[in-house]
Amino acid sequence: MDEQRLIEIESKIAYQDDTIFQLNDVLCKQQNQIDRLENLTQQLLGRVRDLSENSTVDERPPHY
């Protein structure tokens, strides 16, 4: 293998390593955002359940 070919391969590997690290960072950020959104969804579902439990179904509007 000649020297130039070896340099090209090493450059490609270095570029791929950098790309993998960048993709990993993006993936980690997305996973953190998904975790936050799932937490928020659970909180909102809890609030909706609380509101539905505290309201009465047979309550008539005030104009009746």
N, C-alpha and C. Protein backbone atom coordinates (compact mmCIF):
# COMPACT_ATOMS: atom_id res chain seq x y z
N MET A 1 0.85 -1.17 0.00
CA MET A 1 0.00 0.00 0.00
C MET A 1 0.90 1.24 0.00
N ASP A 2 0.64 2.14 -0.90
CA ASP A 2 1.48 3.33 -0.95
C ASP A 2 1.06 4.34 0.11
N GLU A 3 1.93 5.27 0.36
CA GLU A 3 1.76 6.26 1.43
C GLU A 3 0.51 7.12 1.23
N GLN A 4 0.27 7.57 0.01
CA GLN A 4 -0.88 8.43 -0.28
C GLN A 4 -2.20 7.70 -0.01
N ARG A 5 -2.27 6.45 -0.39
CA ARG A 5 -3.48 5.66 -0.16
C ARG A 5 -3.74 5.51 1.34
N LEU A 6 -2.71 5.28 2.11
CA LEU A 6 -2.84 5.14 3.56
C LEU A 6 -3.32 6.45 4.19
N ILE A 7 -2.82 7.57 3.72
CA ILE A 7 -3.25 8.88 4.23
C ILE A 7 -4.72 9.12 3.92
N GLU A 8 -5.16 8.76 2.71
CA GLU A 8 -6.57 8.92 2.33
C GLU A 8 -7.48 8.08 3.23
N ILE A 9 -7.08 6.86 3.51
CA ILE A 9 -7.88 5.98 4.37
C ILE A 9 -7.95 6.53 5.78
N GLU A 10 -6.83 7.00 6.30
CA GLU A 10 -6.82 7.58 7.64
C GLU A 10 -7.69 8.82 7.71
N SER A 11 -7.67 9.64 6.66
CA SER A 11 -8.50 10.84 6.62
C SER A 11 -9.99 10.48 6.62
N LYS A 12 -10.34 9.47 5.83
CA LYS A 12 -11.73 9.04 5.79
C LYS A 12 -12.19 8.50 7.14
N ILE A 13 -11.33 7.76 7.79
CA ILE A 13 -11.67 7.22 9.11
C ILE A 13 -11.85 8.35 10.12
N ALA A 14 -10.97 9.34 10.07
CA ALA A 14 -11.08 10.47 10.99
C ALA A 14 -12.39 11.23 10.73
N TYR A 15 -12.74 11.43 9.46
CA TYR A 15 -13.98 12.11 9.12
C TYR A 15 -15.19 11.30 9.60
N GLN A 16 -15.15 9.99 9.42
CA GLN A 16 -16.26 9.15 9.88
C GLN A 16 -16.37 9.17 11.40
N ASP A 17 -15.25 9.17 12.09
CA ASP A 17 -15.28 9.25 13.56
C ASP A 17 -15.95 10.54 14.01
N ASP A 18 -15.58 11.65 13.36
CA ASP A 18 -16.18 12.94 13.71
C ASP A 18 -17.68 12.92 13.45
N THR A 19 -18.08 12.35 12.32
CA THR A 19 -19.50 12.26 11.99
C THR A 19 -20.25 11.41 13.01
N ILE A 20 -19.66 10.33 13.43
CA ILE A 20 -20.29 9.46 14.43
C ILE A 20 -20.47 10.20 15.75
N PHE A 21 -19.46 10.95 16.17
CA PHE A 21 -19.58 11.72 17.41
C PHE A 21 -20.67 12.78 17.31
N GLN A 22 -20.76 13.46 16.16
CA GLN A 22 -21.81 14.46 15.96
C GLN A 22 -23.19 13.82 16.00
N LEU A 23 -23.34 12.69 15.33
CA LEU A 23 -24.63 11.99 15.33
C LEU A 23 -24.99 11.52 16.73
N ASN A 24 -24.00 11.08 17.48
CA ASN A 24 -24.25 10.65 18.85
C ASN A 24 -24.75 11.82 19.71
N ASP A 25 -24.14 12.99 19.54
CA ASP A 25 -24.58 14.17 20.28
C ASP A 25 -26.03 14.51 19.95
N VAL A 26 -26.36 14.49 18.67
CA VAL A 26 -27.73 14.79 18.25
C VAL A 26 -28.71 13.76 18.82
N LEU A 27 -28.31 12.51 18.76
CA LEU A 27 -29.16 11.43 19.28
C LEU A 27 -29.40 11.59 20.78
N CYS A 28 -28.36 11.93 21.52
CA CYS A 28 -28.51 12.13 22.97
C CYS A 28 -29.44 13.30 23.27
N LYS A 29 -29.30 14.39 22.52
CA LYS A 29 -30.18 15.55 22.72
C LYS A 29 -31.63 15.19 22.41
N GLN A 30 -31.83 14.43 21.33
CA GLN A 30 -33.19 14.02 20.98
C GLN A 30 -33.79 13.11 22.04
N GLN A 31 -32.99 12.20 22.59
CA GLN A 31 -33.49 11.31 23.62
C GLN A 31 -33.86 12.09 24.87
N ASN A 32 -33.06 13.09 25.22
CA ASN A 32 -33.38 13.93 26.37
C ASN A 32 -34.69 14.67 26.14
N GLN A 33 -34.88 15.17 24.92
CA GLN A 33 -36.12 15.87 24.61
C GLN A 33 -37.30 14.91 24.66
N ILE A 34 -37.16 13.72 24.16
CA ILE A 34 -38.23 12.71 24.22
C ILE A 34 -38.57 12.40 25.67
N ASP A 35 -37.55 12.24 26.51
CA ASP A 35 -37.79 11.96 27.93
C ASP A 35 -38.56 13.10 28.58
N ARG A 36 -38.17 14.35 28.29
CA ARG A 36 -38.89 15.51 28.86
C ARG A 36 -40.34 15.55 28.37
N LEU A 37 -40.55 15.27 27.09
CA LEU A 37 -41.91 15.30 26.54
C LEU A 37 -42.77 14.18 27.11
N GLU A 38 -42.18 13.01 27.32
CA GLU A 38 -42.94 11.92 27.95
C GLU A 38 -43.32 12.29 29.38
N ASN A 39 -42.42 12.92 30.10
CA ASN A 39 -42.70 13.36 31.46
C ASN A 39 -43.82 14.40 31.47
N LEU A 40 -43.73 15.36 30.56
CA LEU A 40 -44.77 16.38 30.46
C LEU A 40 -46.12 15.76 30.11
N THR A 41 -46.13 14.79 29.20
CA THR A 41 -47.36 14.11 28.82
C THR A 41 -47.99 13.41 30.01
N GLN A 42 -47.17 12.75 30.81
CA GLN A 42 -47.69 12.07 32.00
C GLN A 42 -48.27 13.08 33.00
N GLN A 43 -47.60 14.21 33.16
CA GLN A 43 -48.11 15.25 34.06
C GLN A 43 -49.45 15.78 33.56
N LEU A 44 -49.54 16.03 32.26
CA LEU A 44 -50.80 16.54 31.70
C LEU A 44 -51.92 15.51 31.81
N LEU A 45 -51.61 14.25 31.58
CA LEU A 45 -52.63 13.21 31.75
C LEU A 45 -53.11 13.15 33.19
N GLY A 46 -52.20 13.30 34.12
CA GLY A 46 -52.59 13.32 35.53
C GLY A 46 -53.51 14.48 35.84
N ARG A 47 -53.21 15.65 35.29
CA ARG A 47 -54.08 16.82 35.51
C ARG A 47 -55.46 16.61 34.92
N VAL A 48 -55.51 16.03 33.72
CA VAL A 48 -56.81 15.77 33.08
C VAL A 48 -57.61 14.79 33.91
N ARG A 49 -56.95 13.75 34.41
CA ARG A 49 -57.66 12.78 35.26
C ARG A 49 -58.19 13.45 36.53
N ASP A 50 -57.36 14.29 37.15
CA ASP A 50 -57.79 15.00 38.36
C ASP A 50 -58.99 15.89 38.06
N LEU A 51 -58.95 16.60 36.96
CA LEU A 51 -60.06 17.48 36.61
C LEU A 51 -61.33 16.69 36.32
N SER A 52 -61.19 15.56 35.66
CA SER A 52 -62.38 14.77 35.35
C SER A 52 -62.95 14.11 36.60
N GLU A 53 -62.09 13.76 37.54
CA GLU A 53 -62.58 13.17 38.79
C GLU A 53 -63.27 14.21 39.66
N ASN A 54 -62.82 15.44 39.60
CA ASN A 54 -63.37 16.50 40.46
C ASN A 54 -64.61 17.16 39.87
N SER A 55 -64.89 16.96 38.61
CA SER A 55 -66.08 17.58 38.03
C SER A 55 -67.24 16.61 38.13
N THR A 56 -68.43 17.17 38.24
CA THR A 56 -69.61 16.32 38.28
C THR A 56 -70.24 16.28 36.90
N VAL A 57 -70.63 15.13 36.48
CA VAL A 57 -71.16 14.93 35.13
C VAL A 57 -72.57 15.48 35.02
N ASP A 58 -73.38 15.41 36.09
CA ASP A 58 -74.77 15.82 36.04
C ASP A 58 -74.98 17.30 36.34
N GLU A 59 -73.94 18.04 36.48
CA GLU A 59 -74.07 19.45 36.81
C GLU A 59 -74.66 20.21 35.63
N ARG A 60 -75.70 21.00 35.91
CA ARG A 60 -76.35 21.77 34.86
C ARG A 60 -75.69 23.15 34.76
N PRO A 61 -75.70 23.70 33.58
CA PRO A 61 -75.17 25.05 33.43
C PRO A 61 -75.98 26.04 34.26
N PRO A 62 -75.42 27.18 34.63
CA PRO A 62 -76.11 28.12 35.52
C PRO A 62 -77.39 28.72 34.96
N HIS A 63 -77.62 28.71 33.69
CA HIS A 63 -78.82 29.34 33.14
C HIS A 63 -80.05 28.44 33.23
N TYR A 64 -79.93 27.22 33.75
CA TYR A 64 -81.12 26.35 33.89
C TYR A 64 -81.78 26.52 35.21
